[in-house]
All heavy atoms as atom14 arrays in JSON, in Angstrom:
{
  "sequence": "AMMAAVDRDSGAGPAMMAAGGAMRMAGGPSRA",
  "atom14_mask": [
    [1, 1, 1, 1, 1, 0, 0, 0, 0, 0, 0, 0, 0, 0],
    [1, 1, 1, 1, 1, 1, 1, 1, 0, 0, 0, 0, 0, 0],
    [1, 1, 1, 1, 1, 1, 1, 1, 0, 0, 0, 0, 0, 0],
    [1, 1, 1, 1, 1, 0, 0, 0, 0, 0, 0, 0, 0, 0],
    [1, 1, 1, 1, 1, 0, 0, 0, 0, 0, 0, 0, 0, 0],
    [1, 1, 1, 1, 1, 1, 1, 0, 0, 0, 0, 0, 0, 0],
    [1, 1, 1, 1, 1, 1, 1, 1, 0, 0, 0, 0, 0, 0],
    [1, 1, 1, 1, 1, 1, 1, 1, 1, 1, 1, 0, 0, 0],
    [1, 1, 1, 1, 1, 1, 1, 1, 0, 0, 0, 0, 0, 0],
    [1, 1, 1, 1, 1, 1, 0, 0, 0, 0, 0, 0, 0, 0],
    [1, 1, 1, 1, 0, 0, 0, 0, 0, 0, 0, 0, 0, 0],
    [1, 1, 1, 1, 1, 0, 0, 0, 0, 0, 0, 0, 0, 0],
    [1, 1, 1, 1, 0, 0, 0, 0, 0, 0, 0, 0, 0, 0],
    [1, 1, 1, 1, 1, 1, 1, 0, 0, 0, 0, 0, 0, 0],
    [1, 1, 1, 1, 1, 0, 0, 0, 0, 0, 0, 0, 0, 0],
    [1, 1, 1, 1, 1, 1, 1, 1, 0, 0, 0, 0, 0, 0],
    [1, 1, 1, 1, 1, 1, 1, 1, 0, 0, 0, 0, 0, 0],
    [1, 1, 1, 1, 1, 0, 0, 0, 0, 0, 0, 0, 0, 0],
    [1, 1, 1, 1, 1, 0, 0, 0, 0, 0, 0, 0, 0, 0],
    [1, 1, 1, 1, 0, 0, 0, 0, 0, 0, 0, 0, 0, 0],
    [1, 1, 1, 1, 0, 0, 0, 0, 0, 0, 0, 0, 0, 0],
    [1, 1, 1, 1, 1, 0, 0, 0, 0, 0, 0, 0, 0, 0],
    [1, 1, 1, 1, 1, 1, 1, 1, 0, 0, 0, 0, 0, 0],
    [1, 1, 1, 1, 1, 1, 1, 1, 1, 1, 1, 0, 0, 0],
    [1, 1, 1, 1, 1, 1, 1, 1, 0, 0, 0, 0, 0, 0],
    [1, 1, 1, 1, 1, 0, 0, 0, 0, 0, 0, 0, 0, 0],
    [1, 1, 1, 1, 0, 0, 0, 0, 0, 0, 0, 0, 0, 0],
    [1, 1, 1, 1, 0, 0, 0, 0, 0, 0, 0, 0, 0, 0],
    [1, 1, 1, 1, 1, 1, 1, 0, 0, 0, 0, 0, 0, 0],
    [1, 1, 1, 1, 1, 1, 0, 0, 0, 0, 0, 0, 0, 0],
    [1, 1, 1, 1, 1, 1, 1, 1, 1, 1, 1, 0, 0, 0],
    [1, 1, 1, 1, 1, 0, 0, 0, 0, 0, 0, 0, 0, 0]
  ],
  "atom14_positions": [
    [[-17.57, 11.24, 2.66], [-18.86, 10.55, 2.53], [-18.66, 9.08, 2.21], [-19.33, 8.21, 2.75], [-19.69, 11.22, 1.44], [0.0, 0.0, 0.0], [0.0, 0.0, 0.0], [0.0, 0.0, 0.0], [0.0, 0.0, 0.0], [0.0, 0.0, 0.0], [0.0, 0.0, 0.0], [0.0, 0.0, 0.0], [0.0, 0.0, 0.0], [0.0, 0.0, 0.0]],
    [[-17.73, 8.79, 1.31], [-17.46, 7.39, 1.0], [-16.88, 6.68, 2.19], [-17.16, 5.53, 2.46], [-16.48, 7.3, -0.18], [-17.08, 7.66, -1.51], [-15.88, 7.42, -2.81], [-15.69, 5.64, -2.76], [0.0, 0.0, 0.0], [0.0, 0.0, 0.0], [0.0, 0.0, 0.0], [0.0, 0.0, 0.0], [0.0, 0.0, 0.0], [0.0, 0.0, 0.0]],
    [[-16.0, 7.39, 2.93], [-15.38, 6.79, 4.09], [-16.41, 6.35, 5.1], [-16.24, 5.33, 5.77], [-14.41, 7.81, 4.71], [-13.84, 7.37, 6.02], [-14.0, 8.52, 7.37], [-15.34, 9.54, 7.03], [0.0, 0.0, 0.0], [0.0, 0.0, 0.0], [0.0, 0.0, 0.0], [0.0, 0.0, 0.0], [0.0, 0.0, 0.0], [0.0, 0.0, 0.0]],
    [[-17.52, 7.1, 5.21], [-18.56, 6.72, 6.17], [-19.31, 5.48, 5.72], [-19.81, 4.73, 6.55], [-19.54, 7.88, 6.34], [0.0, 0.0, 0.0], [0.0, 0.0, 0.0], [0.0, 0.0, 0.0], [0.0, 0.0, 0.0], [0.0, 0.0, 0.0], [0.0, 0.0, 0.0], [0.0, 0.0, 0.0], [0.0, 0.0, 0.0], [0.0, 0.0, 0.0]],
    [[-19.38, 5.27, 4.39], [-20.18, 4.16, 3.88], [-19.4, 2.88, 3.71], [-19.96, 1.8, 3.69], [-20.78, 4.56, 2.53], [0.0, 0.0, 0.0], [0.0, 0.0, 0.0], [0.0, 0.0, 0.0], [0.0, 0.0, 0.0], [0.0, 0.0, 0.0], [0.0, 0.0, 0.0], [0.0, 0.0, 0.0], [0.0, 0.0, 0.0], [0.0, 0.0, 0.0]],
    [[-18.08, 2.98, 3.58], [-17.29, 1.8, 3.27], [-16.15, 1.67, 4.26], [-15.39, 2.59, 4.47], [-16.72, 1.9, 1.83], [-15.92, 0.65, 1.51], [-17.84, 2.07, 0.82], [0.0, 0.0, 0.0], [0.0, 0.0, 0.0], [0.0, 0.0, 0.0], [0.0, 0.0, 0.0], [0.0, 0.0, 0.0], [0.0, 0.0, 0.0], [0.0, 0.0, 0.0]],
    [[-16.01, 0.5, 4.83], [-14.9, 0.22, 5.73], [-13.78, -0.37, 4.91], [-13.89, -1.46, 4.4], [-15.35, -0.77, 6.81], [-14.21, -1.2, 7.69], [-13.28, -0.4, 7.86], [-14.25, -2.31, 8.2], [0.0, 0.0, 0.0], [0.0, 0.0, 0.0], [0.0, 0.0, 0.0], [0.0, 0.0, 0.0], [0.0, 0.0, 0.0], [0.0, 0.0, 0.0]],
    [[-12.68, 0.4, 4.72], [-11.63, -0.09, 3.84], [-10.3, -0.22, 4.55], [-10.22, -0.62, 5.67], [-11.51, 0.83, 2.64], [-12.84, 1.05, 1.95], [-12.64, 1.55, 0.58], [-13.71, 2.38, 0.18], [-14.3, 2.33, -0.98], [-13.94, 1.48, -1.87], [-15.25, 3.15, -1.26], [0.0, 0.0, 0.0], [0.0, 0.0, 0.0], [0.0, 0.0, 0.0]],
    [[-9.23, 0.19, 4.13], [-7.8, -0.03, 4.28], [-7.27, -0.19, 5.69], [-7.83, 0.3, 6.59], [-7.13, 1.18, 3.7], [-6.02, 0.87, 2.79], [-5.18, 0.13, 3.13], [-5.97, 1.38, 1.74], [0.0, 0.0, 0.0], [0.0, 0.0, 0.0], [0.0, 0.0, 0.0], [0.0, 0.0, 0.0], [0.0, 0.0, 0.0], [0.0, 0.0, 0.0]],
    [[-6.15, -0.75, 5.88], [-5.58, -0.93, 7.22], [-4.17, -0.41, 7.24], [-3.69, 0.11, 6.29], [-5.64, -2.39, 7.61], [-4.88, -2.62, 8.74], [0.0, 0.0, 0.0], [0.0, 0.0, 0.0], [0.0, 0.0, 0.0], [0.0, 0.0, 0.0], [0.0, 0.0, 0.0], [0.0, 0.0, 0.0], [0.0, 0.0, 0.0], [0.0, 0.0, 0.0]],
    [[-3.51, -0.62, 8.36], [-2.22, 0.01, 8.47], [-1.03, -0.83, 8.7], [0.05, -0.37, 8.52], [0.0, 0.0, 0.0], [0.0, 0.0, 0.0], [0.0, 0.0, 0.0], [0.0, 0.0, 0.0], [0.0, 0.0, 0.0], [0.0, 0.0, 0.0], [0.0, 0.0, 0.0], [0.0, 0.0, 0.0], [0.0, 0.0, 0.0], [0.0, 0.0, 0.0]],
    [[-1.1, -2.04, 9.1], [0.1, -2.72, 9.57], [0.62, -3.77, 8.6], [1.39, -4.62, 8.97], [-0.17, -3.37, 10.91], [0.0, 0.0, 0.0], [0.0, 0.0, 0.0], [0.0, 0.0, 0.0], [0.0, 0.0, 0.0], [0.0, 0.0, 0.0], [0.0, 0.0, 0.0], [0.0, 0.0, 0.0], [0.0, 0.0, 0.0], [0.0, 0.0, 0.0]],
    [[0.19, -3.72, 7.33], [0.62, -4.73, 6.38], [2.09, -4.61, 6.05], [2.61, -3.52, 5.87], [0.0, 0.0, 0.0], [0.0, 0.0, 0.0], [0.0, 0.0, 0.0], [0.0, 0.0, 0.0], [0.0, 0.0, 0.0], [0.0, 0.0, 0.0], [0.0, 0.0, 0.0], [0.0, 0.0, 0.0], [0.0, 0.0, 0.0], [0.0, 0.0, 0.0]],
    [[2.8, -5.71, 5.95], [4.23, -5.66, 5.7], [4.58, -5.27, 4.28], [5.73, -4.99, 4.0], [4.68, -7.1, 5.98], [3.47, -7.93, 5.7], [2.31, -7.08, 6.13], [0.0, 0.0, 0.0], [0.0, 0.0, 0.0], [0.0, 0.0, 0.0], [0.0, 0.0, 0.0], [0.0, 0.0, 0.0], [0.0, 0.0, 0.0], [0.0, 0.0, 0.0]],
    [[3.59, -5.28, 3.39], [3.9, -4.96, 1.99], [3.92, -3.47, 1.73], [4.12, -3.05, 0.6], [2.89, -5.62, 1.07], [0.0, 0.0, 0.0], [0.0, 0.0, 0.0], [0.0, 0.0, 0.0], [0.0, 0.0, 0.0], [0.0, 0.0, 0.0], [0.0, 0.0, 0.0], [0.0, 0.0, 0.0], [0.0, 0.0, 0.0], [0.0, 0.0, 0.0]],
    [[3.72, -2.65, 2.74], [3.68, -1.2, 2.54], [5.07, -0.72, 2.16], [6.04, -0.97, 2.86], [3.25, -0.53, 3.85], [2.86, 0.91, 3.67], [1.36, 1.03, 2.7], [1.04, 2.76, 2.89], [0.0, 0.0, 0.0], [0.0, 0.0, 0.0], [0.0, 0.0, 0.0], [0.0, 0.0, 0.0], [0.0, 0.0, 0.0], [0.0, 0.0, 0.0]],
    [[5.18, -0.02, 1.04], [6.48, 0.43, 0.59], [6.86, 1.8, 1.15], [8.02, 2.15, 1.2], [6.51, 0.5, -0.95], [6.31, -0.85, -1.61], [7.62, -2.0, -1.19], [6.79, -3.01, 0.04], [0.0, 0.0, 0.0], [0.0, 0.0, 0.0], [0.0, 0.0, 0.0], [0.0, 0.0, 0.0], [0.0, 0.0, 0.0], [0.0, 0.0, 0.0]],
    [[5.85, 2.59, 1.57], [6.11, 3.89, 2.16], [4.93, 4.26, 3.0], [3.82, 3.88, 2.72], [6.35, 4.94, 1.07], [0.0, 0.0, 0.0], [0.0, 0.0, 0.0], [0.0, 0.0, 0.0], [0.0, 0.0, 0.0], [0.0, 0.0, 0.0], [0.0, 0.0, 0.0], [0.0, 0.0, 0.0], [0.0, 0.0, 0.0], [0.0, 0.0, 0.0]],
    [[5.15, 5.02, 4.08], [4.09, 5.29, 5.05], [2.92, 5.98, 4.4], [3.07, 6.88, 3.6], [4.65, 6.18, 6.16], [0.0, 0.0, 0.0], [0.0, 0.0, 0.0], [0.0, 0.0, 0.0], [0.0, 0.0, 0.0], [0.0, 0.0, 0.0], [0.0, 0.0, 0.0], [0.0, 0.0, 0.0], [0.0, 0.0, 0.0], [0.0, 0.0, 0.0]],
    [[1.69, 5.53, 4.8], [0.46, 6.21, 4.43], [0.01, 6.04, 3.01], [-0.97, 6.61, 2.61], [0.0, 0.0, 0.0], [0.0, 0.0, 0.0], [0.0, 0.0, 0.0], [0.0, 0.0, 0.0], [0.0, 0.0, 0.0], [0.0, 0.0, 0.0], [0.0, 0.0, 0.0], [0.0, 0.0, 0.0], [0.0, 0.0, 0.0], [0.0, 0.0, 0.0]],
    [[0.72, 5.3, 2.19], [0.2, 5.03, 0.86], [1.06, 5.52, -0.28], [0.68, 5.42, -1.43], [0.0, 0.0, 0.0], [0.0, 0.0, 0.0], [0.0, 0.0, 0.0], [0.0, 0.0, 0.0], [0.0, 0.0, 0.0], [0.0, 0.0, 0.0], [0.0, 0.0, 0.0], [0.0, 0.0, 0.0], [0.0, 0.0, 0.0], [0.0, 0.0, 0.0]],
    [[2.26, 6.07, -0.04], [3.11, 6.48, -1.15], [3.83, 5.24, -1.64], [4.89, 4.88, -1.18], [4.11, 7.54, -0.69], [0.0, 0.0, 0.0], [0.0, 0.0, 0.0], [0.0, 0.0, 0.0], [0.0, 0.0, 0.0], [0.0, 0.0, 0.0], [0.0, 0.0, 0.0], [0.0, 0.0, 0.0], [0.0, 0.0, 0.0], [0.0, 0.0, 0.0]],
    [[3.18, 4.57, -2.6], [3.69, 3.28, -3.05], [4.57, 3.49, -4.28], [4.42, 4.43, -5.02], [2.51, 2.36, -3.4], [1.43, 2.28, -2.34], [1.96, 1.43, -0.87], [1.83, -0.27, -1.41], [0.0, 0.0, 0.0], [0.0, 0.0, 0.0], [0.0, 0.0, 0.0], [0.0, 0.0, 0.0], [0.0, 0.0, 0.0], [0.0, 0.0, 0.0]],
    [[5.49, 2.55, -4.53], [6.32, 2.63, -5.72], [6.0, 1.47, -6.64], [5.58, 0.41, -6.22], [7.8, 2.59, -5.35], [8.23, 1.28, -4.68], [9.75, 1.2, -4.54], [10.16, 0.01, -3.82], [10.29, -1.18, -4.36], [10.0, -1.36, -5.63], [10.68, -2.22, -3.63], [0.0, 0.0, 0.0], [0.0, 0.0, 0.0], [0.0, 0.0, 0.0]],
    [[6.23, 1.68, -7.9], [6.08, 0.6, -8.87], [7.28, -0.33, -8.75], [8.4, 0.1, -8.5], [6.02, 1.16, -10.29], [4.76, 1.95, -10.57], [3.3, 0.92, -10.6], [3.58, 0.02, -12.12], [0.0, 0.0, 0.0], [0.0, 0.0, 0.0], [0.0, 0.0, 0.0], [0.0, 0.0, 0.0], [0.0, 0.0, 0.0], [0.0, 0.0, 0.0]],
    [[7.02, -1.62, -8.93], [8.12, -2.57, -8.9], [9.06, -2.27, -10.05], [8.64, -2.02, -11.16], [7.57, -3.98, -9.01], [0.0, 0.0, 0.0], [0.0, 0.0, 0.0], [0.0, 0.0, 0.0], [0.0, 0.0, 0.0], [0.0, 0.0, 0.0], [0.0, 0.0, 0.0], [0.0, 0.0, 0.0], [0.0, 0.0, 0.0], [0.0, 0.0, 0.0]],
    [[10.34, -2.34, -9.8], [11.29, -1.84, -10.79], [12.25, -2.86, -11.33], [13.42, -2.56, -11.49], [0.0, 0.0, 0.0], [0.0, 0.0, 0.0], [0.0, 0.0, 0.0], [0.0, 0.0, 0.0], [0.0, 0.0, 0.0], [0.0, 0.0, 0.0], [0.0, 0.0, 0.0], [0.0, 0.0, 0.0], [0.0, 0.0, 0.0], [0.0, 0.0, 0.0]],
    [[11.84, -4.04, -11.62], [12.72, -4.97, -12.3], [13.75, -5.59, -11.4], [14.94, -5.29, -11.5], [0.0, 0.0, 0.0], [0.0, 0.0, 0.0], [0.0, 0.0, 0.0], [0.0, 0.0, 0.0], [0.0, 0.0, 0.0], [0.0, 0.0, 0.0], [0.0, 0.0, 0.0], [0.0, 0.0, 0.0], [0.0, 0.0, 0.0], [0.0, 0.0, 0.0]],
    [[13.38, -6.45, -10.45], [14.34, -7.01, -9.54], [15.31, -7.94, -10.25], [14.96, -8.59, -11.24], [13.47, -7.8, -8.55], [12.26, -8.17, -9.33], [12.03, -7.03, -10.25], [0.0, 0.0, 0.0], [0.0, 0.0, 0.0], [0.0, 0.0, 0.0], [0.0, 0.0, 0.0], [0.0, 0.0, 0.0], [0.0, 0.0, 0.0], [0.0, 0.0, 0.0]],
    [[16.52, -8.02, -9.78], [17.49, -8.96, -10.31], [17.05, -10.38, -10.02], [16.53, -10.67, -8.97], [18.86, -8.69, -9.67], [19.73, -9.76, -9.92], [0.0, 0.0, 0.0], [0.0, 0.0, 0.0], [0.0, 0.0, 0.0], [0.0, 0.0, 0.0], [0.0, 0.0, 0.0], [0.0, 0.0, 0.0], [0.0, 0.0, 0.0], [0.0, 0.0, 0.0]],
    [[17.31, -11.27, -10.96], [16.96, -12.67, -10.74], [17.84, -13.26, -9.66], [17.54, -14.32, -9.12], [17.09, -13.46, -12.03], [16.12, -13.01, -13.12], [15.92, -14.08, -14.15], [15.17, -15.19, -13.59], [14.99, -16.34, -14.22], [15.55, -16.54, -15.4], [14.29, -17.31, -13.68], [0.0, 0.0, 0.0], [0.0, 0.0, 0.0], [0.0, 0.0, 0.0]],
    [[18.95, -12.61, -9.38], [19.87, -13.15, -8.38], [19.4, -12.84, -6.96], [19.74, -13.57, -6.04], [21.27, -12.59, -8.59], [0.0, 0.0, 0.0], [0.0, 0.0, 0.0], [0.0, 0.0, 0.0], [0.0, 0.0, 0.0], [0.0, 0.0, 0.0], [0.0, 0.0, 0.0], [0.0, 0.0, 0.0], [0.0, 0.0, 0.0], [0.0, 0.0, 0.0]]
  ]
}
């Protein structure tokens, strides 16, 4: 029902960490 009322998300963004929305928390990148 919400999907019919609201046009939301897309698919080709480069920031996607895993297909379809299985995202990970950032884990402390090295400063190097």
